[in-house]
């Protein structure tokens, strides 16, 4: 059985949204980390040196939104990846937040007490 994680990126007015669909776990979490790392590498290049790769955003990124509405399963490695993403974004002076957390994501955030860190303005129960 192949574990599939699909990432779709969208850039609009300084906000990079990464929509995550599938299982975010030990087998797939590196894929999500690599996506954001590619964005940071792209941002660090001189403007004229930005190739047309998948992570090219074409402008400054002020905020990264991780849309986790399509996450069907998440384990400790997936949660660790989300925390690592937030730390990496913060190190680059970029805000990162989760949007539309699936039931699986809401559950692990509640169990671990991390919902206030990753969803600071959420009314999530």
PDB file of N, CA and C in Angstrom:
ATOM      1  N   UNK A   1       0.843  -1.180   0.000  1.00  0.00           N
ATOM      2  CA  UNK A   1       0.000   0.000   0.000  1.00  0.00           C
ATOM      3  C   UNK A   1       0.887   1.241   0.000  1.00  0.00           C
ATOM      4  N   UNK A   2       0.690   2.116  -0.949  1.00  0.00           N
ATOM      5  CA  UNK A   2       1.429   3.364  -1.027  1.00  0.00           C
ATOM      6  C   UNK A   2       0.739   4.435  -0.196  1.00  0.00           C
ATOM      7  N   UNK A   3       1.528   5.115   0.618  1.00  0.00           N
ATOM      8  CA  UNK A   3       1.012   6.219   1.404  1.00  0.00           C
ATOM      9  C   UNK A   3       1.191   7.475   0.563  1.00  0.00           C
ATOM     10  N   UNK A   4       0.114   8.214   0.385  1.00  0.00           N
ATOM     11  CA  UNK A   4       0.153   9.372  -0.487  1.00  0.00           C
ATOM     12  C   UNK A   4      -0.131  10.641   0.302  1.00  0.00           C
ATOM     13  N   UNK A   5       0.709  11.628   0.076  1.00  0.00           N
ATOM     14  CA  UNK A   5       0.483  12.959   0.606  1.00  0.00           C
ATOM     15  C   UNK A   5       0.542  13.900  -0.583  1.00  0.00           C
ATOM     16  N   UNK A   6      -0.490  14.691  -0.748  1.00  0.00           N
ATOM     17  CA  UNK A   6      -0.540  15.643  -1.844  1.00  0.00           C
ATOM     18  C   UNK A   6      -0.433  17.048  -1.275  1.00  0.00           C
ATOM     19  N   UNK A   7       0.440  17.844  -1.885  1.00  0.00           N
ATOM     20  CA  UNK A   7       0.615  19.235  -1.485  1.00  0.00           C
ATOM     21  C   UNK A   7       0.292  20.124  -2.671  1.00  0.00           C
ATOM     22  N   UNK A   8      -0.526  21.111  -2.436  1.00  0.00           N
ATOM     23  CA  UNK A   8      -0.854  22.092  -3.470  1.00  0.00           C
ATOM     24  C   UNK A   8      -0.531  23.465  -2.906  1.00  0.00           C
ATOM     25  N   UNK A   9       0.259  24.234  -3.638  1.00  0.00           N
ATOM     26  CA  UNK A   9       0.642  25.555  -3.142  1.00  0.00           C
ATOM     27  C   UNK A   9      -0.057  26.646  -3.941  1.00  0.00           C
ATOM     28  N   UNK A  10      -0.353  27.735  -3.230  1.00  0.00           N
ATOM     29  CA  UNK A  10      -0.989  28.900  -3.857  1.00  0.00           C
ATOM     30  C   UNK A  10      -0.400  30.138  -3.189  1.00  0.00           C
ATOM     31  N   UNK A  11      -0.026  31.112  -3.987  1.00  0.00           N
ATOM     32  CA  UNK A  11       0.535  32.361  -3.473  1.00  0.00           C
ATOM     33  C   UNK A  11      -0.374  33.513  -3.873  1.00  0.00           C
ATOM     34  N   UNK A  12      -0.749  34.339  -2.884  1.00  0.00           N
ATOM     35  CA  UNK A  12      -1.589  35.491  -3.175  1.00  0.00           C
ATOM     36  C   UNK A  12      -1.300  36.583  -2.146  1.00  0.00           C
ATOM     37  N   UNK A  13      -0.884  37.736  -2.631  1.00  0.00           N
ATOM     38  CA  UNK A  13      -0.703  38.921  -1.781  1.00  0.00           C
ATOM     39  C   UNK A  13       0.118  38.661  -0.524  1.00  0.00           C
ATOM     40  N   UNK A  14       1.260  38.004  -0.667  1.00  0.00           N
ATOM     41  CA  UNK A  14       2.149  37.795   0.457  1.00  0.00           C
ATOM     42  C   UNK A  14       1.847  36.569   1.300  1.00  0.00           C
ATOM     43  N   UNK A  15       0.778  35.854   0.974  1.00  0.00           N
ATOM     44  CA  UNK A  15       0.427  34.651   1.732  1.00  0.00           C
ATOM     45  C   UNK A  15       0.622  33.421   0.859  1.00  0.00           C
ATOM     46  N   UNK A  16       1.424  32.502   1.357  1.00  0.00           N
ATOM     47  CA  UNK A  16       1.618  31.220   0.701  1.00  0.00           C
ATOM     48  C   UNK A  16       0.757  30.207   1.428  1.00  0.00           C
ATOM     49  N   UNK A  17      -0.154  29.572   0.710  1.00  0.00           N
ATOM     50  CA  UNK A  17      -1.000  28.539   1.281  1.00  0.00           C
ATOM     51  C   UNK A  17      -0.544  27.197   0.750  1.00  0.00           C
ATOM     52  N   UNK A  18      -0.342  26.265   1.667  1.00  0.00           N
ATOM     53  CA  UNK A  18       0.000  24.892   1.298  1.00  0.00           C
ATOM     54  C   UNK A  18      -1.153  24.014   1.752  1.00  0.00           C
ATOM     55  N   UNK A  19      -1.903  23.481   0.802  1.00  0.00           N
ATOM     56  CA  UNK A  19      -3.021  22.585   1.108  1.00  0.00           C
ATOM     57  C   UNK A  19      -2.484  21.163   1.178  1.00  0.00           C
ATOM     58  N   UNK A  20      -2.721  20.513   2.300  1.00  0.00           N
ATOM     59  CA  UNK A  20      -2.205  19.174   2.558  1.00  0.00           C
ATOM     60  C   UNK A  20      -3.364  18.195   2.518  1.00  0.00           C
ATOM     61  N   UNK A  21      -3.200  17.141   1.721  1.00  0.00           N
ATOM     62  CA  UNK A  21      -4.232  16.120   1.603  1.00  0.00           C
ATOM     63  C   UNK A  21      -3.593  14.748   1.759  1.00  0.00           C
ATOM     64  N   UNK A  22      -4.193  13.919   2.600  1.00  0.00           N
ATOM     65  CA  UNK A  22      -3.699  12.559   2.788  1.00  0.00           C
ATOM     66  C   UNK A  22      -3.212  12.330   4.200  1.00  0.00           C
ATOM     67  N   UNK A  23      -2.259  11.413   4.333  1.00  0.00           N
ATOM     68  CA  UNK A  23      -1.735  11.026   5.633  1.00  0.00           C
ATOM     69  C   UNK A  23      -0.430  11.754   5.907  1.00  0.00           C
ATOM     70  N   UNK A  24      -0.370  12.420   7.053  1.00  0.00           N
ATOM     71  CA  UNK A  24       0.825  13.151   7.464  1.00  0.00           C
ATOM     72  C   UNK A  24       1.461  12.360   8.603  1.00  0.00           C
ATOM     73  N   UNK A  25       2.477  11.572   8.236  1.00  0.00           N
ATOM     74  CA  UNK A  25       3.049  10.653   9.211  1.00  0.00           C
ATOM     75  C   UNK A  25       4.533  10.439   8.955  1.00  0.00           C
ATOM     76  N   UNK A  26       5.090   9.398   9.553  1.00  0.00           N
ATOM     77  CA  UNK A  26       6.518   9.127   9.432  1.00  0.00           C
ATOM     78  C   UNK A  26       6.946   8.963   7.968  1.00  0.00           C
ATOM     79  N   UNK A  27       6.069   8.442   7.147  1.00  0.00           N
ATOM     80  CA  UNK A  27       6.412   8.193   5.748  1.00  0.00           C
ATOM     81  C   UNK A  27       6.299   9.428   4.872  1.00  0.00           C
ATOM     82  N   UNK A  28       5.561  10.449   5.315  1.00  0.00           N
ATOM     83  CA  UNK A  28       5.285  11.582   4.424  1.00  0.00           C
ATOM     84  C   UNK A  28       5.677  12.949   4.968  1.00  0.00           C
ATOM     85  N   UNK A  29       5.986  13.048   6.252  1.00  0.00           N
ATOM     86  CA  UNK A  29       6.213  14.365   6.855  1.00  0.00           C
ATOM     87  C   UNK A  29       7.389  15.109   6.233  1.00  0.00           C
ATOM     88  N   UNK A  30       8.399  14.387   5.781  1.00  0.00           N
ATOM     89  CA  UNK A  30       9.559  15.038   5.138  1.00  0.00           C
ATOM     90  C   UNK A  30       9.160  15.777   3.862  1.00  0.00           C
ATOM     91  N   UNK A  31       8.153  15.271   3.190  1.00  0.00           N
ATOM     92  CA  UNK A  31       7.672  15.908   1.961  1.00  0.00           C
ATOM     93  C   UNK A  31       7.150  17.318   2.254  1.00  0.00           C
ATOM     94  N   UNK A  32       6.405  17.461   3.343  1.00  0.00           N
ATOM     95  CA  UNK A  32       5.884  18.772   3.727  1.00  0.00           C
ATOM     96  C   UNK A  32       7.017  19.700   4.144  1.00  0.00           C
ATOM     97  N   UNK A  33       7.960  19.188   4.919  1.00  0.00           N
ATOM     98  CA  UNK A  33       9.107  19.998   5.333  1.00  0.00           C
ATOM     99  C   UNK A  33       9.912  20.464   4.119  1.00  0.00           C
ATOM    100  N   UNK A  34      10.120  19.572   3.159  1.00  0.00           N
ATOM    101  CA  UNK A  34      10.886  19.914   1.960  1.00  0.00           C
ATOM    102  C   UNK A  34      10.194  21.001   1.140  1.00  0.00           C
ATOM    103  N   UNK A  35       8.867  20.983   1.121  1.00  0.00           N
ATOM    104  CA  UNK A  35       8.110  21.991   0.376  1.00  0.00           C
ATOM    105  C   UNK A  35       8.394  23.385   0.926  1.00  0.00           C
ATOM    106  N   UNK A  36       8.309  23.543   2.235  1.00  0.00           N
ATOM    107  CA  UNK A  36       8.553  24.857   2.821  1.00  0.00           C
ATOM    108  C   UNK A  36      10.032  25.230   2.741  1.00  0.00           C
ATOM    109  N   UNK A  37      10.917  24.261   2.898  1.00  0.00           N
ATOM    110  CA  UNK A  37      12.345  24.551   2.746  1.00  0.00           C
ATOM    111  C   UNK A  37      12.640  25.079   1.348  1.00  0.00           C
ATOM    112  N   UNK A  38      11.983  24.514   0.340  1.00  0.00           N
ATOM    113  CA  UNK A  38      12.172  24.990  -1.033  1.00  0.00           C
ATOM    114  C   UNK A  38      11.723  26.438  -1.176  1.00  0.00           C
ATOM    115  N   UNK A  39      10.665  26.798  -0.488  1.00  0.00           N
ATOM    116  CA  UNK A  39      10.192  28.184  -0.520  1.00  0.00           C
ATOM    117  C   UNK A  39      11.245  29.106   0.086  1.00  0.00           C
ATOM    118  N   UNK A  40      11.801  28.705   1.220  1.00  0.00           N
ATOM    119  CA  UNK A  40      12.807  29.540   1.872  1.00  0.00           C
ATOM    120  C   UNK A  40      14.052  29.684   0.996  1.00  0.00           C
ATOM    121  N   UNK A  41      14.454  28.603   0.339  1.00  0.00           N
ATOM    122  CA  UNK A  41      15.602  28.670  -0.572  1.00  0.00           C
ATOM    123  C   UNK A  41      15.289  29.610  -1.722  1.00  0.00           C
ATOM    124  N   UNK A  42      14.098  29.494  -2.260  1.00  0.00           N
ATOM    125  CA  UNK A  42      13.679  30.352  -3.377  1.00  0.00           C
ATOM    126  C   UNK A  42      13.684  31.819  -2.961  1.00  0.00           C
ATOM    127  N   UNK A  43      13.220  32.099  -1.754  1.00  0.00           N
ATOM    128  CA  UNK A  43      13.174  33.485  -1.275  1.00  0.00           C
ATOM    129  C   UNK A  43      14.574  34.055  -1.081  1.00  0.00           C
ATOM    130  N   UNK A  44      15.531  33.191  -0.761  1.00  0.00           N
ATOM    131  CA  UNK A  44      16.890  33.648  -0.490  1.00  0.00           C
ATOM    132  C   UNK A  44      17.660  33.966  -1.764  1.00  0.00           C
ATOM    133  N   UNK A  45      17.212  33.477  -2.902  1.00  0.00           N
ATOM    134  CA  UNK A  45      17.898  33.734  -4.168  1.00  0.00           C
ATOM    135  C   UNK A  45      17.655  35.161  -4.624  1.00  0.00           C
ATOM    136  N   UNK A  46      18.641  35.724  -5.317  1.00  0.00           N
ATOM    137  CA  UNK A  46      18.397  37.041  -5.920  1.00  0.00           C
ATOM    138  C   UNK A  46      17.211  36.953  -6.872  1.00  0.00           C
ATOM    139  N   UNK A  47      16.450  38.023  -6.967  1.00  0.00           N
ATOM    140  CA  UNK A  47      15.203  38.017  -7.746  1.00  0.00           C
ATOM    141  C   UNK A  47      15.402  37.518  -9.181  1.00  0.00           C
ATOM    142  N   UNK A  48      16.480  37.890  -9.828  1.00  0.00           N
ATOM    143  CA  UNK A  48      16.704  37.469 -11.208  1.00  0.00           C
ATOM    144  C   UNK A  48      17.103  36.017 -11.346  1.00  0.00           C
ATOM    145  N   UNK A  49      17.422  35.355 -10.223  1.00  0.00           N
ATOM    146  CA  UNK A  49      17.904  33.987 -10.240  1.00  0.00           C
ATOM    147  C   UNK A  49      16.818  32.991  -9.842  1.00  0.00           C
ATOM    148  N   UNK A  50      15.587  33.413  -9.768  1.00  0.00           N
ATOM    149  CA  UNK A  50      14.500  32.524  -9.357  1.00  0.00           C
ATOM    150  C   UNK A  50      14.009  31.721 -10.543  1.00  0.00           C
ATOM    151  N   UNK A  51      14.309  30.441 -10.523  1.00  0.00           N
ATOM    152  CA  UNK A  51      13.860  29.575 -11.607  1.00  0.00           C
ATOM    153  C   UNK A  51      12.388  29.264 -11.429  1.00  0.00           C
ATOM    154  N   UNK A  52      11.778  28.680 -12.407  1.00  0.00           N
ATOM    155  CA  UNK A  52      10.343  28.407 -12.378  1.00  0.00           C
ATOM    156  C   UNK A  52       9.990  27.099 -11.716  1.00  0.00           C
ATOM    157  N   UNK A  53      10.675  26.724 -10.631  1.00  0.00           N
ATOM    158  CA  UNK A  53      10.348  25.468  -9.984  1.00  0.00           C
ATOM    159  C   UNK A  53       9.026  25.551  -9.226  1.00  0.00           C
ATOM    160  N   UNK A  54       8.595  24.439  -8.676  1.00  0.00           N
ATOM    161  CA  UNK A  54       7.283  24.319  -8.035  1.00  0.00           C
ATOM    162  C   UNK A  54       7.112  25.298  -6.885  1.00  0.00           C
ATOM    163  N   UNK A  55       8.183  25.597  -6.171  1.00  0.00           N
ATOM    164  CA  UNK A  55       8.048  26.422  -4.980  1.00  0.00           C
ATOM    165  C   UNK A  55       8.181  27.913  -5.261  1.00  0.00           C
ATOM    166  N   UNK A  56       8.402  28.295  -6.514  1.00  0.00           N
ATOM    167  CA  UNK A  56       8.568  29.711  -6.821  1.00  0.00           C
ATOM    168  C   UNK A  56       7.318  30.483  -6.436  1.00  0.00           C
ATOM    169  N   UNK A  57       7.504  31.527  -5.659  1.00  0.00           N
ATOM    170  CA  UNK A  57       6.348  32.278  -5.192  1.00  0.00           C
ATOM    171  C   UNK A  57       6.248  33.641  -5.835  1.00  0.00           C
ATOM    172  N   UNK A  58       7.331  34.124  -6.406  1.00  0.00           N
ATOM    173  CA  UNK A  58       7.269  35.365  -7.160  1.00  0.00           C
ATOM    174  C   UNK A  58       7.242  36.629  -6.340  1.00  0.00           C
ATOM    175  N   UNK A  59       7.269  36.550  -5.038  1.00  0.00           N
ATOM    176  CA  UNK A  59       7.252  37.738  -4.216  1.00  0.00           C
ATOM    177  C   UNK A  59       7.567  37.405  -2.781  1.00  0.00           C
ATOM    178  N   UNK A  60       7.525  38.417  -1.946  1.00  0.00           N
ATOM    179  CA  UNK A  60       7.811  38.204  -0.532  1.00  0.00           C
ATOM    180  C   UNK A  60       6.691  37.415   0.120  1.00  0.00           C
ATOM    181  N   UNK A  61       7.061  36.529   1.016  1.00  0.00           N
ATOM    182  CA  UNK A  61       6.084  35.761   1.776  1.00  0.00           C
ATOM    183  C   UNK A  61       6.029  36.339   3.180  1.00  0.00           C
ATOM    184  N   UNK A  62       4.872  36.820   3.570  1.00  0.00           N
ATOM    185  CA  UNK A  62       4.664  37.363   4.909  1.00  0.00           C
ATOM    186  C   UNK A  62       4.045  36.333   5.844  1.00  0.00           C
ATOM    187  N   UNK A  63       3.281  35.418   5.259  1.00  0.00           N
ATOM    188  CA  UNK A  63       2.567  34.430   6.050  1.00  0.00           C
ATOM    189  C   UNK A  63       2.491  33.128   5.271  1.00  0.00           C
ATOM    190  N   UNK A  64       2.606  32.014   6.003  1.00  0.00           N
ATOM    191  CA  UNK A  64       2.387  30.697   5.429  1.00  0.00           C
ATOM    192  C   UNK A  64       1.173  30.103   6.125  1.00  0.00           C
ATOM    193  N   UNK A  65       0.227  29.640   5.341  1.00  0.00           N
ATOM    194  CA  UNK A  65      -0.971  28.993   5.866  1.00  0.00           C
ATOM    195  C   UNK A  65      -0.910  27.527   5.438  1.00  0.00           C
ATOM    196  N   UNK A  66      -0.964  26.648   6.425  1.00  0.00           N
ATOM    197  CA  UNK A  66      -1.008  25.217   6.143  1.00  0.00           C
ATOM    198  C   UNK A  66      -2.466  24.784   6.285  1.00  0.00           C
ATOM    199  N   UNK A  67      -3.098  24.493   5.154  1.00  0.00           N
ATOM    200  CA  UNK A  67      -4.495  24.060   5.145  1.00  0.00           C
ATOM    201  C   UNK A  67      -4.509  22.553   5.366  1.00  0.00           C
ATOM    202  N   UNK A  68      -4.923  22.138   6.558  1.00  0.00           N
ATOM    203  CA  UNK A  68      -4.896  20.723   6.932  1.00  0.00           C
ATOM    204  C   UNK A  68      -6.275  20.069   6.853  1.00  0.00           C
ATOM    205  N   UNK A  69      -7.190  20.704   6.161  1.00  0.00           N
ATOM    206  CA  UNK A  69      -8.536  20.160   6.041  1.00  0.00           C
ATOM    207  C   UNK A  69      -8.599  18.808   5.361  1.00  0.00           C
ATOM    208  N   UNK A  70      -7.605  18.505   4.529  1.00  0.00           N
ATOM    209  CA  UNK A  70      -7.596  17.237   3.810  1.00  0.00           C
ATOM    210  C   UNK A  70      -6.746  16.161   4.453  1.00  0.00           C
ATOM    211  N   UNK A  71      -6.258  16.408   5.664  1.00  0.00           N
ATOM    212  CA  UNK A  71      -5.421  15.419   6.352  1.00  0.00           C
ATOM    213  C   UNK A  71      -6.325  14.362   6.983  1.00  0.00           C
ATOM    214  N   UNK A  72      -6.180  13.133   6.522  1.00  0.00           N
ATOM    215  CA  UNK A  72      -7.029  12.041   7.021  1.00  0.00           C
ATOM    216  C   UNK A  72      -6.420  11.329   8.219  1.00  0.00           C
ATOM    217  N   UNK A  73      -5.101  11.437   8.378  1.00  0.00           N
ATOM    218  CA  UNK A  73      -4.408  10.797   9.491  1.00  0.00           C
ATOM    219  C   UNK A  73      -3.155  11.601   9.795  1.00  0.00           C
ATOM    220  N   UNK A  74      -2.828  11.734  11.079  1.00  0.00           N
ATOM    221  CA  UNK A  74      -1.603  12.408  11.481  1.00  0.00           C
ATOM    222  C   UNK A  74      -1.054  11.699  12.714  1.00  0.00           C
ATOM    223  N   UNK A  75       0.257  11.431  12.698  1.00  0.00           N
ATOM    224  CA  UNK A  75       0.881  10.810  13.864  1.00  0.00           C
ATOM    225  C   UNK A  75       1.871  11.802  14.479  1.00  0.00           C
ATOM    226  N   UNK A  76       2.672  11.328  15.428  1.00  0.00           N
ATOM    227  CA  UNK A  76       3.620  12.203  16.122  1.00  0.00           C
ATOM    228  C   UNK A  76       4.636  12.817  15.164  1.00  0.00           C
ATOM    229  N   UNK A  77       5.033  12.083  14.137  1.00  0.00           N
ATOM    230  CA  UNK A  77       5.974  12.636  13.155  1.00  0.00           C
ATOM    231  C   UNK A  77       5.325  13.772  12.358  1.00  0.00           C
ATOM    232  N   UNK A  78       4.069  13.599  12.010  1.00  0.00           N
ATOM    233  CA  UNK A  78       3.352  14.659  11.307  1.00  0.00           C
ATOM    234  C   UNK A  78       3.196  15.892  12.168  1.00  0.00           C
ATOM    235  N   UNK A  79       2.867  15.685  13.432  1.00  0.00           N
ATOM    236  CA  UNK A  79       2.756  16.798  14.365  1.00  0.00           C
ATOM    237  C   UNK A  79       4.111  17.478  14.534  1.00  0.00           C
ATOM    238  N   UNK A  80       5.150  16.686  14.638  1.00  0.00           N
ATOM    239  CA  UNK A  80       6.494  17.245  14.737  1.00  0.00           C
ATOM    240  C   UNK A  80       6.850  18.079  13.528  1.00  0.00           C
ATOM    241  N   UNK A  81       6.403  17.650  12.359  1.00  0.00           N
ATOM    242  CA  UNK A  81       6.658  18.417  11.135  1.00  0.00           C
ATOM    243  C   UNK A  81       5.953  19.773  11.190  1.00  0.00           C
ATOM    244  N   UNK A  82       4.732  19.805  11.693  1.00  0.00           N
ATOM    245  CA  UNK A  82       4.009  21.079  11.798  1.00  0.00           C
ATOM    246  C   UNK A  82       4.711  22.033  12.762  1.00  0.00           C
ATOM    247  N   UNK A  83       5.184  21.509  13.878  1.00  0.00           N
ATOM    248  CA  UNK A  83       5.918  22.343  14.840  1.00  0.00           C
ATOM    249  C   UNK A  83       7.227  22.812  14.219  1.00  0.00           C
ATOM    250  N   UNK A  84       7.922  21.915  13.526  1.00  0.00           N
ATOM    251  CA  UNK A  84       9.178  22.294  12.856  1.00  0.00           C
ATOM    252  C   UNK A  84       8.933  23.367  11.800  1.00  0.00           C
ATOM    253  N   UNK A  85       7.835  23.240  11.060  1.00  0.00           N
ATOM    254  CA  UNK A  85       7.497  24.265  10.060  1.00  0.00           C
ATOM    255  C   UNK A  85       7.296  25.617  10.722  1.00  0.00           C
ATOM    256  N   UNK A  86       6.596  25.611  11.841  1.00  0.00           N
ATOM    257  CA  UNK A  86       6.363  26.871  12.537  1.00  0.00           C
ATOM    258  C   UNK A  86       7.689  27.477  13.008  1.00  0.00           C
ATOM    259  N   UNK A  87       8.571  26.658  13.535  1.00  0.00           N
ATOM    260  CA  UNK A  87       9.873  27.147  13.985  1.00  0.00           C
ATOM    261  C   UNK A  87      10.704  27.687  12.825  1.00  0.00           C
ATOM    262  N   UNK A  88      10.715  26.971  11.712  1.00  0.00           N
ATOM    263  CA  UNK A  88      11.478  27.414  10.538  1.00  0.00           C
ATOM    264  C   UNK A  88      10.926  28.723   9.995  1.00  0.00           C
ATOM    265  N   UNK A  89       9.612  28.828   9.935  1.00  0.00           N
ATOM    266  CA  UNK A  89       8.995  30.065   9.451  1.00  0.00           C
ATOM    267  C   UNK A  89       9.357  31.224  10.381  1.00  0.00           C
ATOM    268  N   UNK A  90       9.248  30.996  11.674  1.00  0.00           N
ATOM    269  CA  UNK A  90       9.582  32.041  12.651  1.00  0.00           C
ATOM    270  C   UNK A  90      11.034  32.488  12.479  1.00  0.00           C
ATOM    271  N   UNK A  91      11.945  31.542  12.232  1.00  0.00           N
ATOM    272  CA  UNK A  91      13.355  31.877  12.022  1.00  0.00           C
ATOM    273  C   UNK A  91      13.571  32.753  10.791  1.00  0.00           C
ATOM    274  N   UNK A  92      12.629  32.706   9.856  1.00  0.00           N
ATOM    275  CA  UNK A  92      12.695  33.541   8.649  1.00  0.00           C
ATOM    276  C   UNK A  92      11.829  34.794   8.778  1.00  0.00           C
ATOM    277  N   UNK A  93      11.257  35.014   9.958  1.00  0.00           N
ATOM    278  CA  UNK A  93      10.426  36.189  10.178  1.00  0.00           C
ATOM    279  C   UNK A  93       9.064  36.105   9.518  1.00  0.00           C
ATOM    280  N   UNK A  94       8.582  34.890   9.341  1.00  0.00           N
ATOM    281  CA  UNK A  94       7.311  34.664   8.649  1.00  0.00           C
ATOM    282  C   UNK A  94       6.326  34.017   9.624  1.00  0.00           C
ATOM    283  N   UNK A  95       5.107  34.521   9.637  1.00  0.00           N
ATOM    284  CA  UNK A  95       4.055  33.926  10.460  1.00  0.00           C
ATOM    285  C   UNK A  95       3.577  32.632   9.803  1.00  0.00           C
ATOM    286  N   UNK A  96       3.260  31.639  10.609  1.00  0.00           N
ATOM    287  CA  UNK A  96       2.713  30.385  10.093  1.00  0.00           C
ATOM    288  C   UNK A  96       1.512  30.017  10.946  1.00  0.00           C
ATOM    289  N   UNK A  97       0.438  29.615  10.278  1.00  0.00           N
ATOM    290  CA  UNK A  97      -0.745  29.164  10.997  1.00  0.00           C
ATOM    291  C   UNK A  97      -1.398  28.016  10.243  1.00  0.00           C
ATOM    292  N   UNK A  98      -2.150  27.236  10.977  1.00  0.00           N
ATOM    293  CA  UNK A  98      -2.932  26.162  10.380  1.00  0.00           C
ATOM    294  C   UNK A  98      -4.321  26.688  10.067  1.00  0.00           C
ATOM    295  N   UNK A  99      -4.894  26.171   8.998  1.00  0.00           N
ATOM    296  CA  UNK A  99      -6.253  26.549   8.625  1.00  0.00           C
ATOM    297  C   UNK A  99      -7.071  25.283   8.407  1.00  0.00           C
ATOM    298  N   UNK A 100      -8.341  25.381   8.686  1.00  0.00           N
ATOM    299  CA  UNK A 100      -9.297  24.317   8.422  1.00  0.00           C
ATOM    300  C   UNK A 100      -8.811  22.950   8.901  1.00  0.00           C
ATOM    301  N   UNK A 101      -8.441  22.826  10.181  1.00  0.00           N
ATOM    302  CA  UNK A 101      -7.919  21.536  10.649  1.00  0.00           C
ATOM    303  C   UNK A 101      -8.964  20.435  10.562  1.00  0.00           C
ATOM    304  N   UNK A 102      -8.549  19.306  10.021  1.00  0.00           N
ATOM    305  CA  UNK A 102      -9.443  18.144   9.952  1.00  0.00           C
ATOM    306  C   UNK A 102      -9.666  17.607  11.361  1.00  0.00           C
ATOM    307  N   UNK A 103     -10.583  16.684  11.489  1.00  0.00           N
ATOM    308  CA  UNK A 103     -10.860  16.079  12.795  1.00  0.00           C
ATOM    309  C   UNK A 103      -9.609  15.407  13.353  1.00  0.00           C
ATOM    310  N   UNK A 104      -8.827  14.752  12.496  1.00  0.00           N
ATOM    311  CA  UNK A 104      -7.602  14.088  12.951  1.00  0.00           C
ATOM    312  C   UNK A 104      -6.602  15.104  13.490  1.00  0.00           C
ATOM    313  N   UNK A 105      -6.473  16.233  12.821  1.00  0.00           N
ATOM    314  CA  UNK A 105      -5.536  17.270  13.259  1.00  0.00           C
ATOM    315  C   UNK A 105      -6.035  17.916  14.543  1.00  0.00           C
ATOM    316  N   UNK A 106      -7.324  18.235  14.607  1.00  0.00           N
ATOM    317  CA  UNK A 106      -7.878  18.819  15.832  1.00  0.00           C
ATOM    318  C   UNK A 106      -7.654  17.898  17.023  1.00  0.00           C
ATOM    319  N   UNK A 107      -7.843  16.616  16.817  1.00  0.00           N
ATOM    320  CA  UNK A 107      -7.702  15.647  17.907  1.00  0.00           C
ATOM    321  C   UNK A 107      -6.267  15.625  18.429  1.00  0.00           C
ATOM    322  N   UNK A 108      -5.275  15.515  17.552  1.00  0.00           N
ATOM    323  CA  UNK A 108      -3.891  15.429  18.020  1.00  0.00           C
ATOM    324  C   UNK A 108      -3.437  16.746  18.654  1.00  0.00           C
ATOM    325  N   UNK A 109      -3.931  17.869  18.149  1.00  0.00           N
ATOM    326  CA  UNK A 109      -3.586  19.155  18.757  1.00  0.00           C
ATOM    327  C   UNK A 109      -4.183  19.264  20.162  1.00  0.00           C
ATOM    328  N   UNK A 110      -5.393  18.772  20.334  1.00  0.00           N
ATOM    329  CA  UNK A 110      -6.029  18.804  21.658  1.00  0.00           C
ATOM    330  C   UNK A 110      -5.331  17.871  22.634  1.00  0.00           C
ATOM    331  N   UNK A 111      -5.036  16.663  22.190  1.00  0.00           N
ATOM    332  CA  UNK A 111      -4.400  15.669  23.059  1.00  0.00           C
ATOM    333  C   UNK A 111      -3.033  16.159  23.541  1.00  0.00           C
ATOM    334  N   UNK A 112      -2.275  16.781  22.647  1.00  0.00           N
ATOM    335  CA  UNK A 112      -0.908  17.193  22.975  1.00  0.00           C
ATOM    336  C   UNK A 112      -0.829  18.582  23.595  1.00  0.00           C
ATOM    337  N   UNK A 113      -1.941  19.309  23.587  1.00  0.00           N
ATOM    338  CA  UNK A 113      -1.919  20.663  24.141  1.00  0.00           C
ATOM    339  C   UNK A 113      -1.286  21.693  23.217  1.00  0.00           C
ATOM    340  N   UNK A 114      -1.128  21.360  21.960  1.00  0.00           N
ATOM    341  CA  UNK A 114      -0.480  22.272  21.013  1.00  0.00           C
ATOM    342  C   UNK A 114      -1.456  23.124  20.208  1.00  0.00           C
ATOM    343  N   UNK A 115      -2.740  22.986  20.460  1.00  0.00           N
ATOM    344  CA  UNK A 115      -3.703  23.740  19.650  1.00  0.00           C
ATOM    345  C   UNK A 115      -3.515  25.247  19.793  1.00  0.00           C
ATOM    346  N   UNK A 116      -3.152  25.709  20.991  1.00  0.00           N
ATOM    347  CA  UNK A 116      -2.977  27.152  21.183  1.00  0.00           C
ATOM    348  C   UNK A 116      -1.716  27.661  20.517  1.00  0.00           C
ATOM    349  N   UNK A 117      -0.740  26.781  20.315  1.00  0.00           N
ATOM    350  CA  UNK A 117       0.489  27.185  19.640  1.00  0.00           C
ATOM    351  C   UNK A 117       0.279  27.257  18.127  1.00  0.00           C
ATOM    352  N   UNK A 118      -0.410  26.278  17.580  1.00  0.00           N
ATOM    353  CA  UNK A 118      -0.572  26.210  16.127  1.00  0.00           C
ATOM    354  C   UNK A 118      -1.876  26.836  15.638  1.00  0.00           C
ATOM    355  N   UNK A 119      -2.846  26.970  16.518  1.00  0.00           N
ATOM    356  CA  UNK A 119      -4.127  27.598  16.189  1.00  0.00           C
ATOM    357  C   UNK A 119      -4.427  28.649  17.252  1.00  0.00           C
ATOM    358  N   UNK A 120      -3.604  29.698  17.342  1.00  0.00           N
ATOM    359  CA  UNK A 120      -3.706  30.626  18.479  1.00  0.00           C
ATOM    360  C   UNK A 120      -5.031  31.377  18.599  1.00  0.00           C
ATOM    361  N   UNK A 121      -5.735  31.570  17.502  1.00  0.00           N
ATOM    362  CA  UNK A 121      -6.981  32.333  17.561  1.00  0.00           C
ATOM    363  C   UNK A 121      -8.195  31.462  17.284  1.00  0.00           C
ATOM    364  N   UNK A 122      -8.034  30.171  17.491  1.00  0.00           N
ATOM    365  CA  UNK A 122      -9.090  29.229  17.161  1.00  0.00           C
ATOM    366  C   UNK A 122     -10.080  29.083  18.306  1.00  0.00           C
ATOM    367  N   UNK A 123     -11.319  28.898  17.930  1.00  0.00           N
ATOM    368  CA  UNK A 123     -12.348  28.578  18.902  1.00  0.00           C
ATOM    369  C   UNK A 123     -12.569  27.075  18.959  1.00  0.00           C
ATOM    370  N   UNK A 124     -11.582  26.318  18.465  1.00  0.00           N
ATOM    371  CA  UNK A 124     -11.690  24.882  18.356  1.00  0.00           C
ATOM    372  C   UNK A 124     -11.922  24.242  19.727  1.00  0.00           C
ATOM    373  N   UNK A 125     -12.877  23.354  19.798  1.00  0.00           N
ATOM    374  CA  UNK A 125     -13.166  22.653  21.067  1.00  0.00           C
ATOM    375  C   UNK A 125     -12.257  21.464  21.248  1.00  0.00           C
TER     376      UNK A 125
END
